[in-house]
N, C-alpha and C. Protein backbone atom coordinates (compact mmCIF):
# COMPACT_ATOMS: atom_id res chain seq x y z
N UNK A 1 -49.45 8.97 58.88
CA UNK A 1 -48.78 8.10 58.27
C UNK A 1 -48.85 6.54 59.07
N UNK A 2 -49.39 6.93 60.71
CA UNK A 2 -49.18 5.93 61.92
C UNK A 2 -50.63 4.74 60.99
N UNK A 3 -51.18 5.47 61.05
CA UNK A 3 -52.96 4.85 59.89
C UNK A 3 -52.28 4.21 58.60
N UNK A 4 -51.84 4.28 57.94
CA UNK A 4 -51.81 3.77 56.55
C UNK A 4 -50.71 2.36 56.94
N UNK A 5 -49.72 3.09 58.08
CA UNK A 5 -48.49 1.88 58.04
C UNK A 5 -49.76 0.20 58.38
N UNK A 6 -50.48 1.11 59.59
CA UNK A 6 -50.89 -0.71 60.22
C UNK A 6 -51.79 -0.97 59.35
N UNK A 7 -52.43 -0.64 58.66
CA UNK A 7 -53.70 -0.76 57.64
C UNK A 7 -52.40 -1.88 56.65
N UNK A 8 -51.34 -0.83 56.53
CA UNK A 8 -50.20 -2.29 55.39
C UNK A 8 -50.20 -3.49 55.85
N UNK A 9 -49.81 -3.36 57.48
CA UNK A 9 -49.44 -4.51 58.44
C UNK A 9 -50.84 -5.59 58.50
N UNK A 10 -51.73 -4.75 58.75
CA UNK A 10 -53.36 -5.35 58.90
C UNK A 10 -53.42 -6.56 56.81
N UNK A 11 -53.12 -5.37 56.49
CA UNK A 11 -53.70 -6.39 54.65
C UNK A 11 -52.75 -7.21 54.29
N UNK A 12 -51.20 -7.31 54.72
CA UNK A 12 -50.21 -7.89 53.96
C UNK A 12 -50.04 -9.12 54.96
N UNK A 13 -50.33 -9.00 56.52
CA UNK A 13 -50.17 -9.75 57.45
C UNK A 13 -51.10 -11.33 57.16
N UNK A 14 -51.61 -11.16 56.43
CA UNK A 14 -52.72 -12.90 56.37
C UNK A 14 -54.13 -12.55 56.59
N UNK A 15 -54.58 -11.53 57.51
CA UNK A 15 -56.02 -11.63 57.59
C UNK A 15 -56.72 -11.19 57.05
N UNK A 16 -56.69 -10.81 55.91
CA UNK A 16 -57.36 -9.96 54.85
C UNK A 16 -57.03 -11.63 53.18
N UNK A 17 -55.97 -11.51 53.45
CA UNK A 17 -55.97 -12.61 52.44
C UNK A 17 -56.80 -13.69 52.93
N UNK A 18 -56.68 -14.30 54.02
CA UNK A 18 -57.33 -15.72 54.92
C UNK A 18 -59.11 -15.24 54.58
N UNK A 19 -59.33 -14.08 54.85
CA UNK A 19 -60.56 -13.67 54.22
C UNK A 19 -60.79 -13.59 52.88
N UNK A 20 -60.32 -13.69 52.10
CA UNK A 20 -60.36 -13.47 50.90
C UNK A 20 -60.32 -14.70 50.55
N UNK A 21 -59.57 -15.98 50.12
CA UNK A 21 -59.95 -16.75 50.10
C UNK A 21 -60.37 -17.86 50.78
N UNK A 22 -61.63 -17.18 52.17
CA UNK A 22 -62.65 -17.73 52.66
C UNK A 22 -64.09 -18.15 51.42
N UNK A 23 -63.76 -16.65 51.15
CA UNK A 23 -65.76 -16.02 51.04
C UNK A 23 -65.29 -16.73 49.43
N UNK A 24 -63.99 -16.95 48.11
CA UNK A 24 -63.79 -17.45 46.81
C UNK A 24 -64.71 -18.69 47.21
N UNK A 25 -64.04 -19.39 48.37
CA UNK A 25 -64.21 -21.23 48.77
C UNK A 25 -65.51 -21.01 49.07
N UNK A 26 -66.10 -20.05 49.93
CA UNK A 26 -67.37 -20.34 49.75
C UNK A 26 -68.70 -19.73 49.09
N UNK A 27 -68.06 -19.10 48.40
CA UNK A 27 -69.28 -18.95 47.06
C UNK A 27 -68.78 -20.38 46.22
N UNK A 28 -68.01 -20.97 45.66
CA UNK A 28 -67.76 -21.92 45.01
C UNK A 28 -68.26 -23.39 45.61
N UNK A 29 -68.71 -23.52 46.61
CA UNK A 29 -69.44 -24.76 47.64
C UNK A 29 -70.60 -23.98 47.73
N UNK A 30 -71.24 -23.01 47.58
CA UNK A 30 -72.65 -22.85 47.59
C UNK A 30 -73.02 -23.02 46.22
N UNK A 31 -71.91 -22.60 45.48
CA UNK A 31 -72.94 -23.33 44.03
C UNK A 31 -73.14 -25.08 43.91
N UNK A 32 -71.81 -25.36 44.92
CA UNK A 32 -72.01 -27.13 44.90
C UNK A 32 -72.97 -27.49 45.48
N UNK A 33 -73.51 -26.83 46.90
CA UNK A 33 -74.43 -27.27 47.68
C UNK A 33 -76.05 -26.66 47.10
N UNK A 34 -75.69 -25.59 45.88
CA UNK A 34 -77.18 -25.28 45.39
C UNK A 34 -77.34 -26.43 44.46
N UNK A 35 -76.37 -27.03 43.58
CA UNK A 35 -76.60 -27.80 42.47
C UNK A 35 -77.03 -29.17 43.44
N UNK A 36 -76.32 -29.69 44.72
CA UNK A 36 -76.73 -30.32 44.59
C UNK A 36 -78.09 -31.10 45.49
N UNK A 37 -78.81 -29.27 45.68
CA UNK A 37 -79.92 -29.89 46.76
C UNK A 37 -81.02 -29.66 45.50
N UNK A 38 -80.35 -28.99 44.04
CA UNK A 38 -81.57 -28.62 43.35
C UNK A 38 -81.16 -30.15 42.09
N UNK A 39 -80.29 -30.84 41.72
CA UNK A 39 -80.84 -31.37 41.48
C UNK A 39 -80.77 -32.99 41.41
N UNK A 40 -80.49 -32.99 43.18
CA UNK A 40 -80.25 -34.30 43.62
C UNK A 40 -81.24 -34.67 44.64
N UNK A 41 -81.34 -33.31 45.30
CA UNK A 41 -81.83 -33.20 47.04
C UNK A 41 -83.80 -33.15 46.36
N UNK A 42 -84.20 -32.24 45.86
CA UNK A 42 -85.53 -31.68 45.58
C UNK A 42 -86.42 -32.90 44.81
N UNK A 43 -85.69 -33.46 43.45
CA UNK A 43 -85.88 -34.26 42.70
C UNK A 43 -87.38 -35.06 43.40
N UNK A 44 -86.11 -36.32 44.24
CA UNK A 44 -86.72 -36.96 44.79
C UNK A 44 -87.98 -36.25 45.99
N UNK A 45 -87.41 -35.28 46.49
CA UNK A 45 -89.11 -34.70 47.39
C UNK A 45 -90.00 -34.31 46.72
N UNK A 46 -90.09 -33.32 45.58
CA UNK A 46 -90.64 -33.11 44.79
C UNK A 46 -91.92 -34.50 44.41
N UNK A 47 -91.11 -35.61 43.77
CA UNK A 47 -91.68 -36.82 43.44
C UNK A 47 -92.42 -37.28 44.47
N UNK A 48 -92.17 -37.55 45.51
CA UNK A 48 -92.89 -37.28 47.52
C UNK A 48 -93.89 -37.10 47.41
N UNK A 49 -93.98 -35.71 47.06
CA UNK A 49 -94.85 -34.76 47.02
C UNK A 49 -95.82 -34.56 45.81
N UNK A 50 -96.13 -35.80 45.01
CA UNK A 50 -96.70 -35.64 44.25
C UNK A 50 -95.80 -35.19 42.40
N UNK A 51 -95.06 -35.27 42.52
CA UNK A 51 -93.86 -34.49 41.72
C UNK A 51 -94.28 -32.63 41.18
N UNK A 52 -93.92 -31.97 42.25
CA UNK A 52 -94.14 -30.95 42.30
C UNK A 52 -92.29 -30.36 42.15
N UNK A 53 -92.17 -29.58 41.60
CA UNK A 53 -91.57 -29.29 41.00
C UNK A 53 -90.70 -27.44 41.96
N UNK A 54 -90.60 -27.41 43.31
CA UNK A 54 -90.89 -26.13 43.70
C UNK A 54 -90.51 -25.17 43.58
N UNK A 55 -89.21 -24.76 42.47
CA UNK A 55 -88.93 -23.76 41.82
C UNK A 55 -89.93 -23.45 41.48
N UNK A 56 -91.16 -23.59 40.81
CA UNK A 56 -92.01 -23.03 39.57
C UNK A 56 -93.10 -23.08 40.43
N UNK A 57 -93.41 -23.68 41.83
CA UNK A 57 -94.61 -23.15 42.07
C UNK A 57 -94.41 -21.66 42.50
N UNK A 58 -95.91 -20.59 42.76
CA UNK A 58 -96.24 -18.74 42.65
C UNK A 58 -97.48 -18.77 42.28
N UNK A 59 -97.71 -17.78 43.03
CA UNK A 59 -99.08 -18.12 43.14
C UNK A 59 -98.74 -16.40 42.41
N UNK A 60 -99.53 -16.15 41.28
CA UNK A 60 -99.81 -15.26 40.15
C UNK A 60 -100.80 -14.25 41.62
N UNK A 61 -100.83 -12.68 41.63
CA UNK A 61 -101.22 -11.71 41.85
C UNK A 61 -102.00 -11.44 40.86
N UNK A 62 -101.39 -10.95 39.29
CA UNK A 62 -101.38 -10.34 38.50
C UNK A 62 -101.26 -11.00 37.42
N UNK A 63 -102.36 -11.11 35.97
CA UNK A 63 -101.81 -12.09 34.70
C UNK A 63 -101.13 -10.78 33.88
N UNK A 64 -100.49 -11.72 33.21
CA UNK A 64 -99.46 -11.03 32.22
C UNK A 64 -100.26 -10.35 30.82
N UNK A 65 -100.36 -9.06 30.82
CA UNK A 65 -100.98 -8.17 29.86
C UNK A 65 -99.59 -7.98 29.37
N UNK A 66 -99.58 -7.91 27.46
CA UNK A 66 -99.25 -7.56 26.48
C UNK A 66 -97.44 -7.02 27.01
N UNK A 67 -96.70 -6.69 26.74
CA UNK A 67 -95.38 -6.85 27.42
C UNK A 67 -94.92 -6.82 28.84
N UNK A 68 -96.12 -6.46 29.75
CA UNK A 68 -96.06 -6.35 31.02
C UNK A 68 -96.37 -7.92 31.50
N UNK A 69 -95.02 -8.07 32.09
CA UNK A 69 -94.71 -9.47 32.93
C UNK A 69 -95.99 -9.49 33.81
N UNK A 70 -96.16 -11.29 34.77
CA UNK A 70 -97.76 -11.09 35.21
C UNK A 70 -96.49 -10.94 36.58
N UNK A 71 -97.21 -10.56 37.68
CA UNK A 71 -96.85 -10.62 38.81
C UNK A 71 -97.44 -11.34 39.74
N UNK A 72 -95.96 -12.20 40.41
CA UNK A 72 -96.21 -13.94 41.30
C UNK A 72 -95.07 -13.76 42.58
N UNK A 73 -95.99 -14.41 42.96
CA UNK A 73 -95.28 -14.33 44.26
C UNK A 73 -94.33 -16.03 44.14
N UNK A 74 -93.37 -15.35 44.21
CA UNK A 74 -92.46 -17.10 43.78
C UNK A 74 -92.51 -18.69 44.83
N UNK A 75 -92.92 -18.22 46.32
CA UNK A 75 -93.13 -19.30 47.16
C UNK A 75 -92.08 -20.25 47.19
N UNK A 76 -92.02 -20.78 45.53
CA UNK A 76 -91.41 -22.23 45.63
C UNK A 76 -89.70 -21.53 45.38
N UNK A 77 -89.37 -20.96 44.41
CA UNK A 77 -87.82 -20.52 44.94
C UNK A 77 -87.48 -19.92 46.47
N UNK A 78 -88.44 -19.53 47.42
CA UNK A 78 -87.97 -19.43 48.31
C UNK A 78 -87.51 -21.11 49.40
N UNK A 79 -89.04 -21.93 48.88
CA UNK A 79 -88.46 -23.21 49.72
C UNK A 79 -86.55 -23.70 49.15
N UNK A 80 -86.79 -23.90 47.79
CA UNK A 80 -85.43 -23.41 47.58
C UNK A 80 -84.26 -23.58 48.46
N UNK A 81 -84.47 -22.07 48.29
CA UNK A 81 -83.24 -21.27 48.95
C UNK A 81 -82.91 -21.85 50.71
N UNK A 82 -83.94 -21.85 50.87
CA UNK A 82 -84.38 -22.57 52.46
C UNK A 82 -83.85 -23.79 52.84
N UNK A 83 -84.36 -24.55 51.90
CA UNK A 83 -83.28 -25.93 52.07
C UNK A 83 -82.48 -25.69 51.99
N UNK A 84 -81.37 -25.07 50.77
CA UNK A 84 -79.82 -24.45 49.98
C UNK A 84 -79.39 -24.30 51.58
N UNK A 85 -80.25 -23.52 52.33
CA UNK A 85 -79.89 -22.64 53.49
C UNK A 85 -78.79 -24.33 54.39
N UNK A 86 -80.69 -24.64 54.70
CA UNK A 86 -80.68 -25.42 55.47
C UNK A 86 -78.89 -26.75 55.68
N UNK A 87 -79.26 -26.47 54.27
CA UNK A 87 -78.53 -28.01 53.75
C UNK A 87 -76.32 -27.53 53.96
N UNK A 88 -76.41 -25.77 54.30
CA UNK A 88 -75.54 -25.64 53.59
C UNK A 88 -74.70 -25.14 55.56
N UNK A 89 -76.22 -24.58 56.15
CA UNK A 89 -75.31 -25.12 57.39
C UNK A 89 -75.40 -26.55 58.14
N UNK A 90 -76.23 -27.08 57.29
CA UNK A 90 -75.61 -28.50 58.58
C UNK A 90 -74.21 -28.91 57.91
N UNK A 91 -73.81 -28.47 57.16
CA UNK A 91 -71.90 -28.80 56.58
C UNK A 91 -71.28 -27.87 56.94
N UNK A 92 -71.58 -26.88 57.76
CA UNK A 92 -71.10 -25.91 58.03
C UNK A 92 -70.71 -26.64 59.47
N UNK A 93 -72.11 -27.17 60.39
CA UNK A 93 -72.38 -27.20 61.69
C UNK A 93 -71.43 -28.77 61.98
N UNK A 94 -71.29 -29.38 60.77
CA UNK A 94 -70.52 -30.52 61.08
C UNK A 94 -68.80 -30.27 61.01
N UNK A 95 -68.72 -29.01 60.45
CA UNK A 95 -67.01 -29.29 59.94
C UNK A 95 -66.65 -28.32 61.39
N UNK A 96 -67.46 -27.79 61.66
CA UNK A 96 -66.95 -26.65 62.55
C UNK A 96 -67.16 -28.02 64.12
N UNK A 97 -68.04 -28.75 64.41
CA UNK A 97 -68.11 -29.84 65.25
C UNK A 97 -66.41 -30.26 65.37
N UNK A 98 -66.64 -30.88 63.61
CA UNK A 98 -64.60 -31.32 63.65
C UNK A 98 -63.70 -31.03 64.30
N UNK A 99 -63.60 -29.56 63.57
CA UNK A 99 -62.89 -29.24 63.89
C UNK A 99 -62.28 -28.91 65.42
N UNK A 100 -63.26 -27.97 66.30
CA UNK A 100 -63.73 -28.08 68.01
C UNK A 100 -63.30 -29.69 68.27
N UNK A 101 -64.03 -30.95 68.23
CA UNK A 101 -62.78 -32.17 68.45
C UNK A 101 -61.71 -31.85 68.05
N UNK A 102 -60.80 -31.63 66.96
CA UNK A 102 -59.61 -31.85 66.37
C UNK A 102 -58.78 -30.69 67.82
N UNK A 103 -59.47 -29.91 67.66
CA UNK A 103 -59.26 -28.72 68.88
C UNK A 103 -58.93 -29.03 70.49
N UNK A 104 -59.85 -29.38 70.16
CA UNK A 104 -60.11 -30.28 72.26
C UNK A 104 -59.01 -31.94 71.95
N UNK A 105 -58.96 -32.42 71.28
CA UNK A 105 -57.61 -33.74 71.61
C UNK A 105 -56.38 -33.11 71.41
N UNK A 106 -55.86 -31.91 70.62
CA UNK A 106 -55.13 -31.75 70.76
C UNK A 106 -54.42 -30.83 72.16
N UNK A 107 -55.35 -29.93 72.38
CA UNK A 107 -55.63 -29.21 74.36
C UNK A 107 -55.58 -30.19 74.98
N UNK A 108 -55.65 -31.41 75.39
CA UNK A 108 -55.78 -32.25 75.94
C UNK A 108 -54.86 -33.16 76.03
N UNK A 109 -54.00 -33.24 74.56
CA UNK A 109 -52.77 -33.95 74.63
C UNK A 109 -51.69 -33.01 74.72
N UNK A 110 -51.75 -31.66 74.79
CA UNK A 110 -51.13 -30.89 75.50
C UNK A 110 -50.50 -30.58 76.94
N UNK A 111 -52.08 -30.42 77.57
CA UNK A 111 -52.41 -30.55 78.63
C UNK A 111 -52.04 -31.80 79.59
N UNK A 112 -51.68 -32.70 79.15
CA UNK A 112 -51.24 -34.12 79.81
C UNK A 112 -49.97 -33.56 80.34
N UNK A 113 -49.64 -34.16 81.87
CA UNK A 113 -48.94 -34.18 82.50
C UNK A 113 -47.48 -34.31 81.45
N UNK A 114 -46.78 -34.13 81.91
CA UNK A 114 -45.35 -34.14 81.98
C UNK A 114 -44.10 -34.81 82.68
N UNK A 115 -43.52 -35.88 82.39
CA UNK A 115 -41.90 -36.30 83.09
C UNK A 115 -41.30 -34.48 83.66
N UNK A 116 -41.45 -34.42 84.69
CA UNK A 116 -40.63 -33.07 85.15
C UNK A 116 -39.04 -33.69 84.88
N UNK A 117 -38.28 -32.83 85.15
CA UNK A 117 -36.87 -32.73 84.36
C UNK A 117 -35.99 -33.83 85.28
N UNK A 118 -34.97 -34.59 85.38
CA UNK A 118 -34.41 -34.93 86.52
C UNK A 118 -34.02 -34.38 87.38
N UNK A 119 -33.72 -32.79 87.41
CA UNK A 119 -33.32 -32.15 88.21
C UNK A 119 -33.85 -31.87 89.22
N UNK A 120 -35.64 -31.90 88.79
CA UNK A 120 -36.58 -31.09 89.35
C UNK A 120 -36.94 -32.24 90.50
N UNK A 121 -37.07 -34.32 89.82
CA UNK A 121 -36.92 -35.13 90.42
C UNK A 121 -36.25 -34.90 91.70
N UNK A 122 -35.02 -35.04 91.28
CA UNK A 122 -33.79 -35.05 92.34
C UNK A 122 -33.58 -33.73 93.22
N UNK A 123 -34.03 -32.55 92.93
CA UNK A 123 -34.44 -31.65 94.16
C UNK A 123 -35.75 -32.36 95.12
N UNK A 124 -36.94 -32.48 94.13
CA UNK A 124 -37.81 -33.21 95.14
C UNK A 124 -37.53 -34.26 96.07
N UNK A 125 -36.48 -35.07 95.51
CA UNK A 125 -36.42 -36.44 96.67
C UNK A 125 -35.79 -35.28 98.00
N UNK A 126 -34.61 -34.59 97.13
CA UNK A 126 -33.68 -33.88 98.44
C UNK A 126 -34.93 -33.45 99.67
N UNK A 127 -35.16 -32.51 98.73
CA UNK A 127 -36.27 -32.01 99.72
C UNK A 127 -37.54 -33.22 100.74
N UNK A 128 -37.91 -34.38 100.37
CA UNK A 128 -38.55 -34.60 101.42
C UNK A 128 -37.46 -35.56 102.16
N UNK A 129 -36.84 -35.92 101.45
CA UNK A 129 -35.04 -35.90 102.79
C UNK A 129 -35.14 -35.12 103.91
N UNK A 130 -34.67 -33.75 103.61
CA UNK A 130 -34.72 -33.02 104.82
C UNK A 130 -35.96 -32.57 105.58
N UNK A 131 -37.17 -32.43 105.18
CA UNK A 131 -38.51 -32.60 105.80
C UNK A 131 -38.64 -34.26 106.67
N UNK A 132 -38.07 -35.43 105.69
CA UNK A 132 -37.86 -36.28 106.77
C UNK A 132 -36.73 -36.28 108.71
N UNK A 133 -36.34 -35.33 108.16
CA UNK A 133 -34.83 -35.09 109.44
C UNK A 133 -35.34 -33.89 110.77
N UNK A 134 -36.60 -33.35 109.61
CA UNK A 134 -36.77 -32.43 111.18
C UNK A 134 -37.34 -33.09 112.22
C-alpha cells in the first residue's frame, strides 16, 4: 500500500501535471517553429542557393515501377529537420539563459546585506564598550 500512496502523492503533487503541460506546450511550440522554418526561413535560403526547395532534395536509389514506389534518400527533409532543431535549440538556450539571469538577480537581491535588528546593533555597541574598558 505504501508504494501506491507514494505514487498518488507524486501524481497529484504537481510534478506530473507540470511535466504534461510542458510536453503539450513543447509540441505546440514545435509546430510553430516548424512552420516558421518551413514557411519563413527556408524560402529565402532556398532562393540564395538557386531556388532550391530543400524538402524536395533526394537521391533516387531505385526508380518507381508500377505500383512499387521509388526508393529515395530524402536528405532535404533531413536538412529541414536539422534547421528546425537548431532554431528550437537556440530558442530554448535563449529562454534558459534569461531564466538563469533572473534567478541570479533574485539570489543577489536575497543575499544583499540587510540591516541587523536594533537589538543586535545595541548588543554590538555594548560589546565594543566592554572591550574598551578591559
